[in-house]
Amino acid sequence: MVLTRARANVLVLALGQALFVVSQTTLVFLGGLVGYALASDKAYATLPVSCVILGTATGTVPAALYMRIVGRRLGFFTGAAIGVVGTLICAYGIYLSDFYLFCAGAFVVGIYNGFCQYYRFAAAETSDPAFKSKAISFVLAGGVLAALIGPELANRTKDLLAPITYLASYLALTGLAGLAMALALLIRMPPEAETASGGPARPLTEIARLPLFIIAVLTSVLGYMVMSFMMTASPLAVVACNYPVETAGFVIQWHVLGMFVPSFFTGHLIGRFGVVNVIAAGSILLLVCVGFALAGIEVVNFWAAMTLLGVGWNFMFVGATSLLTEIYRPSERAKVQACNDFLVFGSTATASLMSGKVIYYLGWQWVGLLSLPAILVSLGLVLWLRQIRRVPRPA
């Protein structure tokens, strides 16, 4: 009975993740294009995307603390309600051609995204240890729907309320957030996962000194920064190369498929080959991604680079998330998860904002070149993690 409930929760959480990622994918795909159309200084075209990520960083800590009090179900419901408000503000900003109002709405949507980051942790909490990595992967696999729906939704709705381009797209996102509100009511977390008991809680400063915590957080941070840095710039780069917007949508679609299709088997890979090798494979795929980005500006280069970027991010992010769940006790989960996601998305917001300036002033190739140091550092962290795994841990 418990297993059945756990699987049902994972399914509901995966659908919630799918709705969230459809919105996020559409926001990333359109954010830079709308920003370019509305901003007086085109170097700030990616500011709306940065506002989404900054809102995510801002929302992660309050979301964790709020869910600790009210539980996952009400927490996800509240987050989706915030998403409804944020997308409506974005739509109104487009209607008024107000760049800063549009950015404000993007920030509010980011707070909604901050709540959604806990879908994967909720899946781990409702599952037994043997199913934990697979549950995280299955929830992230809900993003496959985003790859199929997100760019297509943007392309099919962008002119529905012409001459105001993309207004209908953001109103459609309002509807998706409303669906997420209804879906949240179906979540039934086990009582022990809601109460988060289980031993005395250590200070966060003590946990943060653990090598596994440092590696888990930094690999998430670096993987997400590289992914955001290149992904945010890619639609602008594709359009700047005189390809149509639909081509940019095609590239982003394959990128999102790369992000989430591997989730169907990443958990199995971790179980078979170990988290160290999976994170290492993700870092290597990011290096190959940069190689394709530097090799040329043909559509195939954009397609290959962004697809590999998605797969590499998936291996690093799922691996790092699985590693993080090994570190904390149930009574410590809220503060550890909040700290992790705040650092991840705070850093990612900076990367997304810088990508707009880099591509505007330096060009697409520099986006790839400036990603290399972070990837090399992540490989160094993997070597450190391999060494830690070789040393037997005390009971």
Protein backbone atom coordinates (compact mmCIF):
# COMPACT_ATOMS: atom_id res chain seq x y z
CA MET A 1 0.00 0.00 0.00
CA VAL A 2 2.84 2.34 0.90
CA LEU A 3 4.64 1.50 -2.33
CA THR A 4 1.50 2.15 -4.35
CA ARG A 5 1.03 5.53 -2.71
CA ALA A 6 4.68 6.37 -3.30
CA ARG A 7 4.42 5.55 -7.00
CA ALA A 8 1.20 7.58 -7.28
CA ASN A 9 2.91 10.56 -5.63
CA VAL A 10 5.86 10.27 -8.00
CA LEU A 11 3.44 10.33 -10.95
CA VAL A 12 1.65 13.44 -9.65
CA LEU A 13 4.98 15.14 -8.89
CA ALA A 14 6.22 14.27 -12.38
CA LEU A 15 3.14 15.91 -13.93
CA GLY A 16 3.65 18.97 -11.75
CA GLN A 17 7.28 19.08 -12.84
CA ALA A 18 6.14 18.84 -16.47
CA LEU A 19 3.81 21.84 -16.15
CA PHE A 20 6.54 23.80 -14.41
CA VAL A 21 9.17 23.00 -17.04
CA VAL A 22 6.78 23.85 -19.90
CA SER A 23 6.46 27.30 -18.34
CA GLN A 24 10.18 27.59 -17.66
CA THR A 25 11.12 26.48 -21.17
CA THR A 26 8.72 28.96 -22.72
CA LEU A 27 10.02 31.72 -20.47
CA VAL A 28 13.64 31.03 -21.42
CA PHE A 29 12.79 30.72 -25.11
CA LEU A 30 10.72 33.91 -25.21
CA GLY A 31 12.31 35.93 -22.40
CA GLY A 32 15.34 37.03 -24.39
CA LEU A 33 13.31 37.68 -27.55
CA VAL A 34 10.67 39.74 -25.73
CA GLY A 35 13.41 41.48 -23.76
CA TYR A 36 15.21 42.35 -26.98
CA ALA A 37 12.02 43.82 -28.40
CA LEU A 38 11.19 45.88 -25.29
CA ALA A 39 14.58 46.93 -23.92
CA SER A 40 16.09 50.23 -25.03
CA ASP A 41 19.59 48.84 -24.36
CA LYS A 42 19.76 45.53 -26.21
CA ALA A 43 22.63 44.31 -24.02
CA TYR A 44 19.97 43.79 -21.33
CA ALA A 45 17.80 41.58 -23.54
CA THR A 46 18.36 38.57 -21.27
CA LEU A 47 17.50 40.51 -18.10
CA PRO A 48 13.97 38.98 -17.97
CA VAL A 49 15.47 35.48 -17.95
CA SER A 50 17.88 36.59 -15.22
CA CYS A 51 14.92 37.94 -13.25
CA VAL A 52 13.24 34.53 -13.46
CA ILE A 53 16.34 32.84 -12.10
CA LEU A 54 16.90 35.55 -9.47
CA GLY A 55 13.28 35.08 -8.37
CA THR A 56 13.95 31.35 -8.16
CA ALA A 57 16.93 31.98 -5.88
CA THR A 58 14.86 34.37 -3.77
CA GLY A 59 11.98 31.92 -3.47
CA THR A 60 13.87 28.76 -2.57
CA VAL A 61 14.52 29.53 1.11
CA PRO A 62 11.01 30.87 1.94
CA ALA A 63 9.50 27.97 0.00
CA ALA A 64 11.46 25.40 2.02
CA LEU A 65 10.55 27.02 5.33
CA TYR A 66 6.91 27.45 4.29
CA MET A 67 6.62 23.80 3.22
CA ARG A 68 8.17 22.69 6.48
CA ILE A 69 5.21 24.32 8.25
CA VAL A 70 2.29 23.60 5.90
CA GLY A 71 3.53 20.51 4.02
CA ARG A 72 4.32 19.81 0.39
CA ARG A 73 0.75 19.83 -0.94
CA LEU A 74 -0.21 23.30 0.27
CA GLY A 75 3.28 24.51 -0.55
CA PHE A 76 3.06 23.48 -4.20
CA PHE A 77 -0.48 24.91 -4.41
CA THR A 78 0.72 28.28 -3.08
CA GLY A 79 3.67 28.32 -5.46
CA ALA A 80 1.42 27.71 -8.47
CA ALA A 81 -0.88 30.54 -7.34
CA ILE A 82 2.15 32.84 -7.31
CA GLY A 83 2.88 31.61 -10.84
CA VAL A 84 -0.58 32.72 -11.97
CA VAL A 85 0.08 36.22 -10.63
CA GLY A 86 3.54 36.41 -12.18
CA THR A 87 2.50 35.37 -15.69
CA LEU A 88 -0.37 37.87 -15.62
CA ILE A 89 2.08 40.65 -14.71
CA CYS A 90 4.31 39.56 -17.61
CA ALA A 91 1.35 39.64 -19.98
CA TYR A 92 0.39 43.11 -18.80
CA GLY A 93 3.97 44.29 -19.27
CA ILE A 94 3.89 43.05 -22.87
CA TYR A 95 0.53 44.73 -23.41
CA LEU A 96 1.95 48.07 -22.20
CA SER A 97 5.36 47.52 -23.89
CA ASP A 98 6.87 48.11 -20.44
CA PHE A 99 10.22 46.34 -20.17
CA TYR A 100 10.60 46.78 -16.42
CA LEU A 101 7.06 45.63 -15.63
CA PHE A 102 7.74 42.57 -17.75
CA CYS A 103 10.93 41.95 -15.74
CA ALA A 104 8.98 42.34 -12.48
CA GLY A 105 6.51 39.70 -13.63
CA ALA A 106 9.41 37.44 -14.58
CA PHE A 107 10.79 37.82 -11.05
CA VAL A 108 7.45 36.76 -9.54
CA VAL A 109 7.32 33.76 -11.88
CA GLY A 110 10.80 32.91 -10.61
CA ILE A 111 9.44 32.71 -7.06
CA TYR A 112 6.95 30.11 -8.34
CA ASN A 113 9.89 28.26 -9.85
CA GLY A 114 11.56 28.33 -6.43
CA PHE A 115 8.67 26.27 -5.05
CA CYS A 116 8.86 23.86 -7.99
CA GLN A 117 12.49 22.98 -7.26
CA TYR A 118 11.21 20.80 -4.41
CA TYR A 119 9.31 18.39 -6.65
CA ARG A 120 12.44 16.24 -6.92
CA PHE A 121 13.07 16.31 -3.16
CA ALA A 122 9.43 15.45 -2.48
CA ALA A 123 9.83 12.41 -4.74
CA ALA A 124 12.84 11.28 -2.70
CA GLU A 125 10.95 11.77 0.57
CA THR A 126 7.99 9.65 -0.51
CA SER A 127 10.18 6.77 -1.73
CA ASP A 128 12.15 4.01 -0.05
CA PRO A 129 15.97 4.25 -0.27
CA ALA A 130 16.24 1.73 -3.12
CA PHE A 131 13.81 3.75 -5.27
CA LYS A 132 15.08 7.22 -4.32
CA SER A 133 17.42 7.94 -7.27
CA LYS A 134 14.90 6.50 -9.72
CA ALA A 135 12.12 8.63 -8.21
CA ILE A 136 14.20 11.79 -8.65
CA SER A 137 14.91 10.80 -12.26
CA PHE A 138 11.26 10.01 -13.02
CA VAL A 139 10.10 13.38 -11.69
CA LEU A 140 12.70 15.20 -13.76
CA ALA A 141 11.59 13.06 -16.71
CA GLY A 142 8.28 14.92 -16.55
CA GLY A 143 10.18 17.67 -18.33
CA VAL A 144 10.09 15.62 -21.54
CA LEU A 145 6.59 17.00 -22.09
CA ALA A 146 8.08 20.46 -21.85
CA ALA A 147 10.41 19.73 -24.75
CA LEU A 148 7.48 18.73 -26.91
CA ILE A 149 5.04 21.41 -25.75
CA GLY A 150 7.04 24.48 -24.66
CA PRO A 151 8.53 25.84 -27.91
CA GLU A 152 5.49 24.63 -29.85
CA LEU A 153 3.19 26.48 -27.44
CA ALA A 154 5.24 29.65 -27.91
CA ASN A 155 5.25 29.40 -31.70
CA ARG A 156 1.54 28.66 -32.01
CA THR A 157 0.34 31.33 -29.59
CA LYS A 158 2.77 34.20 -30.24
CA ASP A 159 0.52 35.88 -32.86
CA LEU A 160 -2.93 34.93 -31.56
CA LEU A 161 -3.46 38.42 -30.15
CA ALA A 162 -1.66 40.29 -32.95
CA PRO A 163 -0.38 42.93 -33.27
CA ILE A 164 0.80 42.38 -29.67
CA THR A 165 3.26 39.53 -30.21
CA TYR A 166 3.68 36.94 -27.42
CA LEU A 167 0.84 38.32 -25.27
CA ALA A 168 -1.22 35.16 -25.83
CA SER A 169 1.81 33.01 -24.99
CA TYR A 170 2.02 34.42 -21.49
CA LEU A 171 -1.72 34.12 -20.98
CA ALA A 172 -1.35 30.44 -21.90
CA LEU A 173 1.30 30.13 -19.19
CA THR A 174 -1.24 31.54 -16.73
CA GLY A 175 -3.49 28.60 -17.60
CA LEU A 176 -0.68 26.12 -17.03
CA ALA A 177 0.00 27.55 -13.58
CA GLY A 178 -3.71 27.18 -12.83
CA LEU A 179 -3.52 23.50 -13.80
CA ALA A 180 -0.55 23.10 -11.47
CA MET A 181 -2.68 24.49 -8.62
CA ALA A 182 -5.31 21.80 -9.22
CA LEU A 183 -2.69 19.08 -9.54
CA ALA A 184 -1.08 20.00 -6.22
CA LEU A 185 -4.28 19.02 -4.41
CA LEU A 186 -3.73 15.39 -5.48
CA ILE A 187 -0.42 15.06 -3.63
CA ARG A 188 -0.57 12.74 -0.61
CA MET A 189 2.75 12.72 1.19
CA PRO A 190 3.33 10.09 3.91
CA PRO A 191 3.09 11.55 7.45
CA GLU A 192 6.74 10.90 8.25
CA ALA A 193 7.81 12.90 5.17
CA GLU A 194 5.59 15.81 6.17
CA THR A 195 6.78 16.00 9.76
CA ALA A 196 10.47 15.65 8.80
CA SER A 197 11.46 14.18 12.16
CA GLY A 198 14.40 11.89 12.73
CA GLY A 199 17.15 12.84 15.12
CA PRO A 200 18.68 16.10 16.29
CA ALA A 201 19.43 18.66 13.61
CA ARG A 202 23.04 19.73 13.14
CA PRO A 203 23.88 23.39 12.51
CA LEU A 204 24.01 24.29 8.83
CA THR A 205 27.59 25.51 9.28
CA GLU A 206 28.60 22.01 10.39
CA ILE A 207 26.86 20.34 7.45
CA ALA A 208 28.33 22.86 4.99
CA ARG A 209 31.86 21.80 5.97
CA LEU A 210 31.27 18.21 4.85
CA PRO A 211 33.20 17.41 1.65
CA LEU A 212 30.16 15.64 0.16
CA PHE A 213 28.04 18.76 0.73
CA ILE A 214 30.64 20.97 -0.93
CA ILE A 215 30.94 18.66 -3.92
CA ALA A 216 27.17 18.17 -4.30
CA VAL A 217 26.47 21.90 -4.17
CA LEU A 218 29.35 22.99 -6.38
CA THR A 219 28.65 20.42 -9.10
CA SER A 220 25.01 21.59 -9.14
CA VAL A 221 26.10 25.23 -9.22
CA LEU A 222 28.66 24.79 -12.00
CA GLY A 223 26.46 22.53 -14.13
CA TYR A 224 23.49 24.87 -13.83
CA MET A 225 25.60 27.97 -14.51
CA VAL A 226 27.04 26.55 -17.73
CA MET A 227 23.63 25.29 -18.84
CA SER A 228 21.95 28.64 -18.17
CA PHE A 229 24.81 30.68 -19.63
CA MET A 230 24.68 28.86 -22.97
CA MET A 231 20.94 28.16 -23.10
CA THR A 232 19.93 31.78 -22.46
CA ALA A 233 22.22 33.03 -25.20
CA SER A 234 21.36 30.38 -27.79
CA PRO A 235 17.99 31.77 -29.08
CA LEU A 236 19.59 35.19 -29.57
CA ALA A 237 22.58 33.60 -31.29
CA VAL A 238 20.39 31.57 -33.66
CA VAL A 239 18.30 34.61 -34.62
CA ALA A 240 21.44 36.75 -34.95
CA CYS A 241 22.73 34.24 -37.53
CA ASN A 242 19.66 35.07 -39.64
CA TYR A 243 17.83 31.84 -38.88
CA PRO A 244 14.07 32.12 -38.21
CA VAL A 245 12.56 32.09 -34.72
CA GLU A 246 11.21 28.60 -35.45
CA THR A 247 14.80 27.37 -35.76
CA ALA A 248 15.58 28.79 -32.34
CA GLY A 249 12.52 26.94 -31.04
CA PHE A 250 13.77 23.71 -32.65
CA VAL A 251 17.16 24.10 -30.98
CA ILE A 252 15.62 24.79 -27.57
CA GLN A 253 13.24 21.87 -28.02
CA TRP A 254 16.13 19.46 -28.50
CA HIS A 255 17.98 21.07 -25.62
CA VAL A 256 15.06 20.41 -23.27
CA LEU A 257 14.77 16.85 -24.59
CA GLY A 258 18.44 16.45 -23.75
CA MET A 259 17.76 17.80 -20.28
CA PHE A 260 14.94 15.44 -19.40
CA VAL A 261 14.83 12.34 -21.64
CA PRO A 262 17.92 10.88 -19.89
CA SER A 263 15.99 11.05 -16.61
CA PHE A 264 14.24 7.83 -17.62
CA PHE A 265 17.53 5.99 -17.12
CA THR A 266 19.86 8.30 -15.14
CA GLY A 267 18.72 6.70 -11.88
CA HIS A 268 19.57 3.26 -13.29
CA LEU A 269 22.99 4.54 -14.40
CA ILE A 270 23.70 5.86 -10.92
CA GLY A 271 22.71 2.51 -9.43
CA ARG A 272 24.92 0.58 -11.83
CA PHE A 273 27.97 2.80 -12.35
CA GLY A 274 27.86 5.04 -9.28
CA VAL A 275 27.19 8.72 -8.83
CA VAL A 276 30.86 9.64 -9.37
CA ASN A 277 30.97 8.26 -12.89
CA VAL A 278 27.60 9.78 -13.83
CA ILE A 279 28.67 13.28 -12.73
CA ALA A 280 31.99 12.81 -14.54
CA ALA A 281 30.18 11.80 -17.73
CA GLY A 282 28.04 14.93 -17.46
CA SER A 283 31.12 17.15 -17.21
CA ILE A 284 32.71 15.48 -20.24
CA LEU A 285 29.51 15.94 -22.27
CA LEU A 286 29.60 19.66 -21.46
CA LEU A 287 33.14 19.81 -22.86
CA VAL A 288 31.98 18.15 -26.08
CA CYS A 289 29.06 20.61 -26.19
CA VAL A 290 31.49 23.54 -26.12
CA GLY A 291 33.49 21.88 -28.89
CA PHE A 292 30.43 21.84 -31.18
CA ALA A 293 29.61 25.45 -30.26
CA LEU A 294 33.12 26.57 -31.23
CA ALA A 295 33.19 24.53 -34.44
CA GLY A 296 30.73 26.71 -36.37
CA ILE A 297 27.36 28.47 -36.56
CA GLU A 298 25.46 26.03 -38.73
CA VAL A 299 22.13 24.77 -37.44
CA VAL A 300 23.70 21.37 -36.79
CA ASN A 301 26.28 23.00 -34.52
CA PHE A 302 23.60 24.73 -32.46
CA TRP A 303 21.51 21.56 -32.38
CA ALA A 304 24.36 19.26 -31.28
CA ALA A 305 25.75 21.73 -28.74
CA MET A 306 22.43 22.40 -27.06
CA THR A 307 21.37 18.75 -27.02
CA LEU A 308 24.64 17.70 -25.40
CA LEU A 309 24.34 20.64 -23.00
CA GLY A 310 21.02 19.25 -21.84
CA VAL A 311 22.27 15.67 -21.38
CA GLY A 312 25.40 16.81 -19.55
CA TRP A 313 23.34 18.99 -17.23
CA ASN A 314 21.00 16.09 -16.49
CA PHE A 315 23.81 13.76 -15.47
CA MET A 316 25.39 16.41 -13.25
CA PHE A 317 22.15 17.65 -11.68
CA VAL A 318 20.55 14.26 -10.97
CA GLY A 319 23.88 12.97 -9.66
CA ALA A 320 24.40 15.99 -7.41
CA THR A 321 20.81 15.83 -6.13
CA SER A 322 21.19 12.14 -5.28
CA LEU A 323 24.45 12.92 -3.52
CA LEU A 324 22.85 15.71 -1.51
CA THR A 325 20.10 13.41 -0.19
CA GLU A 326 22.82 11.23 1.40
CA ILE A 327 24.02 14.09 3.57
CA TYR A 328 21.11 15.37 5.63
CA ARG A 329 18.78 13.89 8.22
CA PRO A 330 14.99 14.33 7.83
CA SER A 331 15.03 17.09 10.45
CA GLU A 332 17.70 18.95 8.44
CA ARG A 333 16.21 18.65 4.97
CA ALA A 334 14.51 22.08 4.77
CA LYS A 335 17.60 24.16 5.50
CA VAL A 336 19.98 21.99 3.48
CA GLN A 337 17.72 21.91 0.42
CA ALA A 338 17.08 25.65 0.70
CA CYS A 339 20.79 26.42 1.03
CA ASN A 340 21.62 24.24 -1.97
CA ASP A 341 19.00 25.76 -4.26
CA PHE A 342 19.69 29.33 -3.14
CA LEU A 343 23.36 28.94 -4.06
CA VAL A 344 22.50 27.18 -7.33
CA PHE A 345 20.01 29.74 -8.59
CA GLY A 346 21.76 32.78 -7.19
CA SER A 347 24.81 31.83 -9.23
CA THR A 348 22.72 30.89 -12.25
CA ALA A 349 20.99 34.27 -12.28
CA THR A 350 24.37 35.95 -12.62
CA ALA A 351 25.34 33.59 -15.45
CA SER A 352 22.15 34.23 -17.41
CA LEU A 353 22.52 38.00 -17.12
CA MET A 354 26.15 37.87 -18.21
CA SER A 355 25.27 35.72 -21.23
CA GLY A 356 23.30 38.61 -22.74
CA LYS A 357 26.24 40.97 -22.42
CA VAL A 358 28.74 38.40 -23.69
CA ILE A 359 26.77 37.53 -26.81
CA TYR A 360 25.96 41.20 -27.53
CA TYR A 361 29.51 42.50 -27.16
CA LEU A 362 31.71 39.43 -27.89
CA GLY A 363 29.63 36.88 -29.80
CA TRP A 364 28.49 33.27 -29.53
CA GLN A 365 31.95 31.68 -29.54
CA TRP A 366 32.91 33.54 -26.37
CA VAL A 367 29.86 32.07 -24.65
CA GLY A 368 31.46 28.67 -25.18
CA LEU A 369 34.99 29.73 -24.28
CA LEU A 370 33.93 31.34 -21.01
CA SER A 371 32.09 28.14 -20.03
CA LEU A 372 35.27 26.07 -20.08
CA PRO A 373 36.72 27.06 -16.66
CA ALA A 374 33.54 26.02 -14.81
CA ILE A 375 33.48 22.67 -16.61
CA LEU A 376 37.14 21.99 -15.78
CA VAL A 377 36.53 22.82 -12.11
CA SER A 378 33.61 20.37 -12.07
CA LEU A 379 35.92 17.65 -13.39
CA GLY A 380 38.35 18.43 -10.58
CA LEU A 381 35.52 18.06 -8.06
CA VAL A 382 34.70 14.65 -9.55
CA LEU A 383 38.27 13.52 -8.94
CA TRP A 384 37.98 14.72 -5.35
CA LEU A 385 34.68 12.83 -4.98
CA ARG A 386 36.29 9.67 -6.41
CA GLN A 387 39.01 9.91 -3.78
CA ILE A 388 36.44 10.36 -0.99
CA ARG A 389 34.47 7.33 -2.19
CA ARG A 390 37.63 5.20 -1.99
CA VAL A 391 38.15 6.02 1.70
CA PRO A 392 35.83 3.95 3.97
CA ARG A 393 33.47 6.16 5.96
CA PRO A 394 33.08 5.57 9.74
CA ALA A 395 29.82 4.01 10.88
